Amino acid sequence: GDQVNPKKESSATQFYIVQGQVWDDKTLDMMEMRFGKKFTPEQR
């Protein structure tokens, strides 16, 4: 986590594979506000 790893360096071995889910634009808008991110049209 960020509190012990502010540079966001990766584990040497541990990985994950995204299953995820499909999102709507309204939820992506809320994520942008909540997490301070900006999604490009391609990402959306």
All heavy atoms as atom14 arrays in JSON, in Angstrom:
{
  "sequence": "GDQVNPKKESSATQFYIVQGQVWDDKTLDMMEMRFGKKFTPEQR",
  "atom14_mask": [
    [1, 1, 1, 1, 0, 0, 0, 0, 0, 0, 0, 0, 0, 0],
    [1, 1, 1, 1, 1, 1, 1, 1, 0, 0, 0, 0, 0, 0],
    [1, 1, 1, 1, 1, 1, 1, 1, 1, 0, 0, 0, 0, 0],
    [1, 1, 1, 1, 1, 1, 1, 0, 0, 0, 0, 0, 0, 0],
    [1, 1, 1, 1, 1, 1, 1, 1, 0, 0, 0, 0, 0, 0],
    [1, 1, 1, 1, 1, 1, 1, 0, 0, 0, 0, 0, 0, 0],
    [1, 1, 1, 1, 1, 1, 1, 1, 1, 0, 0, 0, 0, 0],
    [1, 1, 1, 1, 1, 1, 1, 1, 1, 0, 0, 0, 0, 0],
    [1, 1, 1, 1, 1, 1, 1, 1, 1, 0, 0, 0, 0, 0],
    [1, 1, 1, 1, 1, 1, 0, 0, 0, 0, 0, 0, 0, 0],
    [1, 1, 1, 1, 1, 1, 0, 0, 0, 0, 0, 0, 0, 0],
    [1, 1, 1, 1, 1, 0, 0, 0, 0, 0, 0, 0, 0, 0],
    [1, 1, 1, 1, 1, 1, 1, 0, 0, 0, 0, 0, 0, 0],
    [1, 1, 1, 1, 1, 1, 1, 1, 1, 0, 0, 0, 0, 0],
    [1, 1, 1, 1, 1, 1, 1, 1, 1, 1, 1, 0, 0, 0],
    [1, 1, 1, 1, 1, 1, 1, 1, 1, 1, 1, 1, 0, 0],
    [1, 1, 1, 1, 1, 1, 1, 1, 0, 0, 0, 0, 0, 0],
    [1, 1, 1, 1, 1, 1, 1, 0, 0, 0, 0, 0, 0, 0],
    [1, 1, 1, 1, 1, 1, 1, 1, 1, 0, 0, 0, 0, 0],
    [1, 1, 1, 1, 0, 0, 0, 0, 0, 0, 0, 0, 0, 0],
    [1, 1, 1, 1, 1, 1, 1, 1, 1, 0, 0, 0, 0, 0],
    [1, 1, 1, 1, 1, 1, 1, 0, 0, 0, 0, 0, 0, 0],
    [1, 1, 1, 1, 1, 1, 1, 1, 1, 1, 1, 1, 1, 1],
    [1, 1, 1, 1, 1, 1, 1, 1, 0, 0, 0, 0, 0, 0],
    [1, 1, 1, 1, 1, 1, 1, 1, 0, 0, 0, 0, 0, 0],
    [1, 1, 1, 1, 1, 1, 1, 1, 1, 0, 0, 0, 0, 0],
    [1, 1, 1, 1, 1, 1, 1, 0, 0, 0, 0, 0, 0, 0],
    [1, 1, 1, 1, 1, 1, 1, 1, 0, 0, 0, 0, 0, 0],
    [1, 1, 1, 1, 1, 1, 1, 1, 0, 0, 0, 0, 0, 0],
    [1, 1, 1, 1, 1, 1, 1, 1, 0, 0, 0, 0, 0, 0],
    [1, 1, 1, 1, 1, 1, 1, 1, 0, 0, 0, 0, 0, 0],
    [1, 1, 1, 1, 1, 1, 1, 1, 1, 0, 0, 0, 0, 0],
    [1, 1, 1, 1, 1, 1, 1, 1, 0, 0, 0, 0, 0, 0],
    [1, 1, 1, 1, 1, 1, 1, 1, 1, 1, 1, 0, 0, 0],
    [1, 1, 1, 1, 1, 1, 1, 1, 1, 1, 1, 0, 0, 0],
    [1, 1, 1, 1, 0, 0, 0, 0, 0, 0, 0, 0, 0, 0],
    [1, 1, 1, 1, 1, 1, 1, 1, 1, 0, 0, 0, 0, 0],
    [1, 1, 1, 1, 1, 1, 1, 1, 1, 0, 0, 0, 0, 0],
    [1, 1, 1, 1, 1, 1, 1, 1, 1, 1, 1, 0, 0, 0],
    [1, 1, 1, 1, 1, 1, 1, 0, 0, 0, 0, 0, 0, 0],
    [1, 1, 1, 1, 1, 1, 1, 0, 0, 0, 0, 0, 0, 0],
    [1, 1, 1, 1, 1, 1, 1, 1, 1, 0, 0, 0, 0, 0],
    [1, 1, 1, 1, 1, 1, 1, 1, 1, 0, 0, 0, 0, 0],
    [1, 1, 1, 1, 1, 1, 1, 1, 1, 1, 1, 0, 0, 0]
  ],
  "atom14_positions": [
    [[0.8, -1.22, 0.0], [0.0, 0.0, 0.0], [0.83, 1.27, 0.0], [2.02, 1.27, 0.33], [0.0, 0.0, 0.0], [0.0, 0.0, 0.0], [0.0, 0.0, 0.0], [0.0, 0.0, 0.0], [0.0, 0.0, 0.0], [0.0, 0.0, 0.0], [0.0, 0.0, 0.0], [0.0, 0.0, 0.0], [0.0, 0.0, 0.0], [0.0, 0.0, 0.0]],
    [[0.16, 2.39, -0.36], [0.84, 3.68, -0.48], [1.53, 4.14, 0.8], [2.57, 4.77, 0.75], [-0.17, 4.77, -0.89], [-0.68, 4.59, -2.31], [-0.2, 3.68, -3.01], [-1.55, 5.38, -2.72], [0.0, 0.0, 0.0], [0.0, 0.0, 0.0], [0.0, 0.0, 0.0], [0.0, 0.0, 0.0], [0.0, 0.0, 0.0], [0.0, 0.0, 0.0]],
    [[0.94, 3.82, 1.97], [1.49, 4.32, 3.23], [2.91, 3.8, 3.49], [3.71, 4.49, 4.09], [0.55, 4.03, 4.41], [0.27, 2.58, 4.72], [-0.74, 1.89, 3.81], [-1.11, 2.4, 2.75], [-1.21, 0.73, 4.22], [0.0, 0.0, 0.0], [0.0, 0.0, 0.0], [0.0, 0.0, 0.0], [0.0, 0.0, 0.0], [0.0, 0.0, 0.0]],
    [[3.22, 2.58, 3.01], [4.57, 2.04, 3.17], [5.34, 2.02, 1.85], [6.51, 1.65, 1.82], [4.55, 0.61, 3.78], [4.03, 0.65, 5.21], [3.76, -0.35, 2.93], [0.0, 0.0, 0.0], [0.0, 0.0, 0.0], [0.0, 0.0, 0.0], [0.0, 0.0, 0.0], [0.0, 0.0, 0.0], [0.0, 0.0, 0.0], [0.0, 0.0, 0.0]],
    [[4.67, 2.42, 0.78], [5.25, 2.32, -0.56], [4.81, 3.52, -1.41], [4.1, 3.36, -2.4], [4.77, 0.99, -1.17], [5.31, 0.73, -2.55], [6.31, 1.28, -2.97], [4.61, -0.13, -3.29], [0.0, 0.0, 0.0], [0.0, 0.0, 0.0], [0.0, 0.0, 0.0], [0.0, 0.0, 0.0], [0.0, 0.0, 0.0], [0.0, 0.0, 0.0]],
    [[5.22, 4.73, -1.02], [4.74, 5.93, -1.72], [5.13, 6.0, -3.2], [4.45, 6.66, -3.98], [5.35, 7.09, -0.93], [6.5, 6.49, -0.19], [6.14, 5.06, 0.07], [0.0, 0.0, 0.0], [0.0, 0.0, 0.0], [0.0, 0.0, 0.0], [0.0, 0.0, 0.0], [0.0, 0.0, 0.0], [0.0, 0.0, 0.0], [0.0, 0.0, 0.0]],
    [[6.2, 5.29, -3.6], [6.6, 5.29, -5.02], [5.81, 4.27, -5.84], [6.02, 4.15, -7.04], [8.1, 4.99, -5.14], [8.99, 6.1, -4.59], [10.44, 5.72, -4.81], [11.38, 6.78, -4.28], [12.78, 6.34, -4.36], [0.0, 0.0, 0.0], [0.0, 0.0, 0.0], [0.0, 0.0, 0.0], [0.0, 0.0, 0.0], [0.0, 0.0, 0.0]],
    [[4.93, 3.5, -5.17], [4.07, 2.51, -5.84], [4.9, 1.45, -6.58], [4.54, 1.02, -7.67], [3.07, 3.2, -6.77], [2.2, 4.2, -6.02], [1.17, 4.86, -6.89], [0.41, 5.88, -6.05], [-0.78, 6.39, -6.66], [0.0, 0.0, 0.0], [0.0, 0.0, 0.0], [0.0, 0.0, 0.0], [0.0, 0.0, 0.0], [0.0, 0.0, 0.0]],
    [[6.02, 1.07, -5.96], [6.86, 0.03, -6.56], [6.17, -1.32, -6.47], [5.46, -1.61, -5.51], [8.22, -0.01, -5.86], [9.03, 1.26, -6.11], [10.39, 1.24, -5.46], [10.59, 0.5, -4.47], [11.27, 1.99, -5.94], [0.0, 0.0, 0.0], [0.0, 0.0, 0.0], [0.0, 0.0, 0.0], [0.0, 0.0, 0.0], [0.0, 0.0, 0.0]],
    [[6.41, -2.15, -7.47], [5.71, -3.43, -7.59], [6.42, -4.55, -6.82], [7.64, -4.55, -6.69], [5.65, -3.85, -9.07], [4.97, -2.88, -9.82], [0.0, 0.0, 0.0], [0.0, 0.0, 0.0], [0.0, 0.0, 0.0], [0.0, 0.0, 0.0], [0.0, 0.0, 0.0], [0.0, 0.0, 0.0], [0.0, 0.0, 0.0], [0.0, 0.0, 0.0]],
    [[5.62, -5.51, -6.39], [6.15, -6.75, -5.83], [6.98, -7.44, -6.9], [6.65, -7.4, -8.09], [4.99, -7.67, -5.4], [5.43, -8.99, -5.23], [0.0, 0.0, 0.0], [0.0, 0.0, 0.0], [0.0, 0.0, 0.0], [0.0, 0.0, 0.0], [0.0, 0.0, 0.0], [0.0, 0.0, 0.0], [0.0, 0.0, 0.0], [0.0, 0.0, 0.0]],
    [[8.06, -8.11, -6.49], [8.89, -8.84, -7.44], [8.14, -10.01, -8.06], [8.34, -10.33, -9.24], [10.15, -9.35, -6.75], [0.0, 0.0, 0.0], [0.0, 0.0, 0.0], [0.0, 0.0, 0.0], [0.0, 0.0, 0.0], [0.0, 0.0, 0.0], [0.0, 0.0, 0.0], [0.0, 0.0, 0.0], [0.0, 0.0, 0.0], [0.0, 0.0, 0.0]],
    [[7.25, -10.65, -7.29], [6.61, -11.88, -7.78], [5.09, -11.81, -7.9], [4.51, -12.48, -8.73], [6.9, -13.07, -6.86], [6.44, -12.76, -5.54], [8.34, -13.43, -6.83], [0.0, 0.0, 0.0], [0.0, 0.0, 0.0], [0.0, 0.0, 0.0], [0.0, 0.0, 0.0], [0.0, 0.0, 0.0], [0.0, 0.0, 0.0], [0.0, 0.0, 0.0]],
    [[4.43, -11.06, -7.02], [2.97, -11.14, -6.98], [2.33, -10.36, -8.12], [2.73, -9.23, -8.41], [2.45, -10.68, -5.63], [2.87, -11.62, -4.51], [2.02, -11.46, -3.27], [0.8, -11.29, -3.34], [2.67, -11.52, -2.12], [0.0, 0.0, 0.0], [0.0, 0.0, 0.0], [0.0, 0.0, 0.0], [0.0, 0.0, 0.0], [0.0, 0.0, 0.0]],
    [[1.35, -10.97, -8.74], [0.64, -10.37, -9.86], [-0.84, -10.68, -9.75], [-1.25, -11.56, -8.99], [1.18, -10.91, -11.2], [0.92, -12.38, -11.4], [-0.27, -12.83, -11.99], [1.84, -13.33, -10.98], [-0.52, -14.18, -12.15], [1.59, -14.7, -11.13], [0.4, -15.12, -11.72], [0.0, 0.0, 0.0], [0.0, 0.0, 0.0], [0.0, 0.0, 0.0]],
    [[-1.63, -9.93, -10.5], [-3.05, -10.25, -10.6], [-3.51, -10.09, -12.04], [-2.89, -9.38, -12.84], [-3.91, -9.4, -9.65], [-3.83, -7.9, -9.85], [-4.76, -7.23, -10.64], [-2.83, -7.15, -9.23], [-4.69, -5.85, -10.81], [-2.76, -5.77, -9.4], [-3.7, -5.14, -10.19], [-3.63, -3.77, -10.37], [0.0, 0.0, 0.0], [0.0, 0.0, 0.0]],
    [[-4.57, -10.8, -12.37], [-5.18, -10.71, -13.69], [-6.6, -10.18, -13.48], [-7.36, -10.71, -12.66], [-5.18, -12.07, -14.4], [-3.73, -12.55, -14.61], [-5.93, -11.98, -15.74], [-3.6, -13.97, -15.11], [0.0, 0.0, 0.0], [0.0, 0.0, 0.0], [0.0, 0.0, 0.0], [0.0, 0.0, 0.0], [0.0, 0.0, 0.0], [0.0, 0.0, 0.0]],
    [[-6.93, -9.13, -14.21], [-8.22, -8.45, -14.05], [-9.35, -9.28, -14.67], [-9.26, -9.68, -15.83], [-8.19, -7.06, -14.72], [-9.56, -6.41, -14.71], [-7.15, -6.16, -14.05], [0.0, 0.0, 0.0], [0.0, 0.0, 0.0], [0.0, 0.0, 0.0], [0.0, 0.0, 0.0], [0.0, 0.0, 0.0], [0.0, 0.0, 0.0], [0.0, 0.0, 0.0]],
    [[-10.39, -9.52, -13.88], [-11.64, -10.01, -14.45], [-12.53, -8.78, -14.69], [-12.97, -8.52, -15.78], [-12.33, -11.02, -13.53], [-13.59, -11.59, -14.21], [-14.47, -12.41, -13.29], [-14.59, -12.13, -12.11], [-15.09, -13.42, -13.87], [0.0, 0.0, 0.0], [0.0, 0.0, 0.0], [0.0, 0.0, 0.0], [0.0, 0.0, 0.0], [0.0, 0.0, 0.0]],
    [[-12.73, -8.01, -13.62], [-13.43, -6.74, -13.75], [-14.89, -6.88, -14.14], [-15.47, -7.96, -14.09], [0.0, 0.0, 0.0], [0.0, 0.0, 0.0], [0.0, 0.0, 0.0], [0.0, 0.0, 0.0], [0.0, 0.0, 0.0], [0.0, 0.0, 0.0], [0.0, 0.0, 0.0], [0.0, 0.0, 0.0], [0.0, 0.0, 0.0], [0.0, 0.0, 0.0]],
    [[-15.46, -5.76, -14.53], [-16.85, -5.71, -14.97], [-17.0, -4.54, -15.93], [-16.11, -3.71, -16.07], [-17.79, -5.57, -13.78], [-17.5, -4.38, -12.89], [-18.37, -4.39, -11.64], [-19.59, -4.36, -11.73], [-17.75, -4.43, -10.49], [0.0, 0.0, 0.0], [0.0, 0.0, 0.0], [0.0, 0.0, 0.0], [0.0, 0.0, 0.0], [0.0, 0.0, 0.0]],
    [[-18.15, -4.5, -16.61], [-18.44, -3.41, -17.53], [-19.07, -2.27, -16.73], [-19.91, -2.5, -15.84], [-19.39, -3.89, -18.65], [-19.84, -2.73, -19.53], [-18.7, -4.97, -19.5], [0.0, 0.0, 0.0], [0.0, 0.0, 0.0], [0.0, 0.0, 0.0], [0.0, 0.0, 0.0], [0.0, 0.0, 0.0], [0.0, 0.0, 0.0], [0.0, 0.0, 0.0]],
    [[-18.66, -1.03, -17.03], [-19.11, 0.16, -16.31], [-19.91, 1.07, -17.23], [-19.7, 1.05, -18.44], [-17.91, 0.92, -15.74], [-17.03, 0.08, -14.88], [-15.99, -0.7, -15.29], [-17.14, -0.12, -13.47], [-15.44, -1.36, -14.22], [-16.13, -1.02, -13.08], [-18.0, 0.4, -12.5], [-15.95, -1.43, -11.77], [-17.81, 0.0, -11.18], [-16.8, -0.9, -10.83]],
    [[-20.76, 1.92, -16.65], [-21.44, 2.93, -17.46], [-20.74, 4.27, -17.27], [-19.94, 4.46, -16.36], [-22.94, 3.01, -17.13], [-23.22, 3.36, -15.67], [-22.42, 4.1, -15.06], [-24.25, 2.92, -15.15], [0.0, 0.0, 0.0], [0.0, 0.0, 0.0], [0.0, 0.0, 0.0], [0.0, 0.0, 0.0], [0.0, 0.0, 0.0], [0.0, 0.0, 0.0]],
    [[-21.05, 5.2, -18.18], [-20.37, 6.51, -18.15], [-20.62, 7.27, -16.86], [-19.72, 7.95, -16.34], [-20.81, 7.37, -19.35], [-20.05, 6.99, -20.61], [-18.81, 6.92, -20.55], [-20.69, 6.76, -21.65], [0.0, 0.0, 0.0], [0.0, 0.0, 0.0], [0.0, 0.0, 0.0], [0.0, 0.0, 0.0], [0.0, 0.0, 0.0], [0.0, 0.0, 0.0]],
    [[-21.81, 7.13, -16.3], [-22.13, 7.84, -15.05], [-21.21, 7.37, -13.92], [-20.69, 8.18, -13.15], [-23.61, 7.59, -14.7], [-24.09, 8.37, -13.51], [-25.58, 8.11, -13.3], [-26.02, 8.7, -11.97], [-27.36, 8.26, -11.59], [0.0, 0.0, 0.0], [0.0, 0.0, 0.0], [0.0, 0.0, 0.0], [0.0, 0.0, 0.0], [0.0, 0.0, 0.0]],
    [[-21.0, 6.05, -13.83], [-20.12, 5.51, -12.79], [-18.68, 5.94, -13.03], [-17.95, 6.27, -12.09], [-20.23, 3.98, -12.73], [-21.61, 3.62, -12.62], [-19.47, 3.42, -11.54], [0.0, 0.0, 0.0], [0.0, 0.0, 0.0], [0.0, 0.0, 0.0], [0.0, 0.0, 0.0], [0.0, 0.0, 0.0], [0.0, 0.0, 0.0], [0.0, 0.0, 0.0]],
    [[-18.26, 5.97, -14.29], [-16.9, 6.43, -14.61], [-16.73, 7.9, -14.23], [-15.68, 8.3, -13.72], [-16.59, 6.21, -16.09], [-16.45, 4.74, -16.54], [-16.29, 4.67, -18.05], [-15.3, 4.05, -15.84], [0.0, 0.0, 0.0], [0.0, 0.0, 0.0], [0.0, 0.0, 0.0], [0.0, 0.0, 0.0], [0.0, 0.0, 0.0], [0.0, 0.0, 0.0]],
    [[-17.78, 8.71, -14.45], [-17.75, 10.12, -14.03], [-17.53, 10.22, -12.51], [-16.73, 11.04, -12.04], [-19.06, 10.84, -14.38], [-19.24, 11.02, -15.88], [-18.24, 10.91, -16.63], [-20.39, 11.27, -16.31], [0.0, 0.0, 0.0], [0.0, 0.0, 0.0], [0.0, 0.0, 0.0], [0.0, 0.0, 0.0], [0.0, 0.0, 0.0], [0.0, 0.0, 0.0]],
    [[-18.25, 9.38, -11.76], [-18.11, 9.4, -10.29], [-16.7, 8.97, -9.87], [-16.13, 9.53, -8.95], [-19.18, 8.51, -9.64], [-20.56, 9.1, -9.77], [-21.89, 8.3, -8.82], [-21.5, 6.6, -8.81], [0.0, 0.0, 0.0], [0.0, 0.0, 0.0], [0.0, 0.0, 0.0], [0.0, 0.0, 0.0], [0.0, 0.0, 0.0], [0.0, 0.0, 0.0]],
    [[-16.14, 7.96, -10.57], [-14.77, 7.52, -10.26], [-13.78, 8.65, -10.51], [-12.83, 8.83, -9.75], [-14.39, 6.31, -11.13], [-14.93, 5.01, -10.65], [-14.24, 3.69, -11.67], [-15.38, 2.39, -11.29], [0.0, 0.0, 0.0], [0.0, 0.0, 0.0], [0.0, 0.0, 0.0], [0.0, 0.0, 0.0], [0.0, 0.0, 0.0], [0.0, 0.0, 0.0]],
    [[-13.98, 9.4, -11.6], [-13.08, 10.52, -11.89], [-13.08, 11.52, -10.74], [-12.01, 11.98, -10.31], [-13.51, 11.22, -13.19], [-13.14, 10.46, -14.43], [-13.49, 11.21, -15.71], [-14.4, 12.06, -15.68], [-12.83, 10.94, -16.73], [0.0, 0.0, 0.0], [0.0, 0.0, 0.0], [0.0, 0.0, 0.0], [0.0, 0.0, 0.0], [0.0, 0.0, 0.0]],
    [[-14.27, 11.83, -10.22], [-14.35, 12.77, -9.1], [-13.75, 12.18, -7.83], [-12.97, 12.83, -7.15], [-15.81, 13.18, -8.86], [-16.34, 14.08, -9.96], [-17.92, 14.88, -9.58], [-18.87, 13.65, -8.77], [0.0, 0.0, 0.0], [0.0, 0.0, 0.0], [0.0, 0.0, 0.0], [0.0, 0.0, 0.0], [0.0, 0.0, 0.0], [0.0, 0.0, 0.0]],
    [[-14.1, 10.95, -7.53], [-13.68, 10.32, -6.28], [-12.17, 10.07, -6.23], [-11.53, 10.27, -5.21], [-14.44, 9.01, -6.07], [-14.09, 8.33, -4.79], [-15.01, 7.18, -4.48], [-14.49, 6.44, -3.34], [-14.71, 5.17, -3.12], [-15.46, 4.48, -3.94], [-14.21, 4.58, -2.07], [0.0, 0.0, 0.0], [0.0, 0.0, 0.0], [0.0, 0.0, 0.0]],
    [[-11.61, 9.6, -7.35], [-10.2, 9.2, -7.36], [-9.29, 10.23, -8.04], [-8.08, 10.01, -8.14], [-10.03, 7.84, -8.04], [-10.76, 6.72, -7.34], [-11.89, 6.15, -7.91], [-10.32, 6.25, -6.1], [-12.57, 5.12, -7.26], [-10.99, 5.22, -5.46], [-12.12, 4.66, -6.03], [0.0, 0.0, 0.0], [0.0, 0.0, 0.0], [0.0, 0.0, 0.0]],
    [[-9.86, 11.33, -8.53], [-9.05, 12.35, -9.17], [-8.4, 11.89, -10.45], [-7.29, 12.28, -10.79], [0.0, 0.0, 0.0], [0.0, 0.0, 0.0], [0.0, 0.0, 0.0], [0.0, 0.0, 0.0], [0.0, 0.0, 0.0], [0.0, 0.0, 0.0], [0.0, 0.0, 0.0], [0.0, 0.0, 0.0], [0.0, 0.0, 0.0], [0.0, 0.0, 0.0]],
    [[-9.09, 11.02, -11.2], [-8.57, 10.5, -12.46], [-9.34, 11.12, -13.61], [-10.42, 11.67, -13.42], [-8.74, 8.98, -12.51], [-7.98, 8.24, -11.42], [-8.16, 6.74, -11.54], [-7.56, 5.97, -10.39], [-6.14, 6.01, -10.28], [0.0, 0.0, 0.0], [0.0, 0.0, 0.0], [0.0, 0.0, 0.0], [0.0, 0.0, 0.0], [0.0, 0.0, 0.0]],
    [[-8.79, 11.01, -14.8], [-9.49, 11.46, -16.0], [-9.36, 10.36, -17.05], [-8.25, 9.99, -17.42], [-8.86, 12.76, -16.51], [-9.58, 13.36, -17.69], [-10.87, 14.04, -17.26], [-11.58, 14.62, -18.46], [-13.01, 14.43, -18.43], [0.0, 0.0, 0.0], [0.0, 0.0, 0.0], [0.0, 0.0, 0.0], [0.0, 0.0, 0.0], [0.0, 0.0, 0.0]],
    [[-10.5, 9.8, -17.47], [-10.49, 8.73, -18.46], [-10.62, 9.33, -19.86], [-11.46, 10.18, -20.1], [-11.63, 7.73, -18.21], [-11.56, 7.07, -16.86], [-12.53, 7.31, -15.9], [-10.5, 6.23, -16.54], [-12.47, 6.7, -14.65], [-10.42, 5.62, -15.3], [-11.4, 5.86, -14.35], [0.0, 0.0, 0.0], [0.0, 0.0, 0.0], [0.0, 0.0, 0.0]],
    [[-9.77, 8.87, -20.76], [-9.84, 9.33, -22.16], [-11.04, 8.68, -22.83], [-11.57, 7.67, -22.34], [-8.56, 8.93, -22.92], [-8.53, 7.49, -23.02], [-7.3, 9.45, -22.24], [0.0, 0.0, 0.0], [0.0, 0.0, 0.0], [0.0, 0.0, 0.0], [0.0, 0.0, 0.0], [0.0, 0.0, 0.0], [0.0, 0.0, 0.0], [0.0, 0.0, 0.0]],
    [[-11.47, 9.22, -23.98], [-12.56, 8.57, -24.73], [-12.24, 7.11, -25.07], [-13.12, 6.24, -25.01], [-12.69, 9.42, -26.0], [-12.17, 10.77, -25.61], [-11.09, 10.5, -24.6], [0.0, 0.0, 0.0], [0.0, 0.0, 0.0], [0.0, 0.0, 0.0], [0.0, 0.0, 0.0], [0.0, 0.0, 0.0], [0.0, 0.0, 0.0], [0.0, 0.0, 0.0]],
    [[-10.97, 6.82, -25.37], [-10.57, 5.45, -25.7], [-10.7, 4.54, -24.47], [-11.16, 3.4, -24.57], [-9.11, 5.41, -26.21], [-8.87, 6.14, -27.52], [-8.74, 7.65, -27.39], [-8.57, 8.17, -26.26], [-8.81, 8.32, -28.43], [0.0, 0.0, 0.0], [0.0, 0.0, 0.0], [0.0, 0.0, 0.0], [0.0, 0.0, 0.0], [0.0, 0.0, 0.0]],
    [[-10.28, 5.05, -23.3], [-10.41, 4.26, -22.08], [-11.89, 4.02, -21.75], [-12.28, 2.92, -21.38], [-9.72, 4.97, -20.92], [-8.21, 4.98, -21.05], [-7.53, 5.93, -20.08], [-8.11, 6.93, -19.65], [-6.28, 5.63, -19.74], [0.0, 0.0, 0.0], [0.0, 0.0, 0.0], [0.0, 0.0, 0.0], [0.0, 0.0, 0.0], [0.0, 0.0, 0.0]],
    [[-12.7, 5.06, -21.88], [-14.14, 4.91, -21.63], [-14.75, 3.86, -22.56], [-15.58, 3.06, -22.12], [-14.86, 6.25, -21.83], [-14.69, 7.18, -20.64], [-15.41, 8.51, -20.86], [-15.33, 9.31, -19.65], [-16.23, 9.28, -18.68], [-17.3, 8.55, -18.78], [-16.06, 10.03, -17.6], [0.0, 0.0, 0.0], [0.0, 0.0, 0.0], [0.0, 0.0, 0.0]]
  ]
}
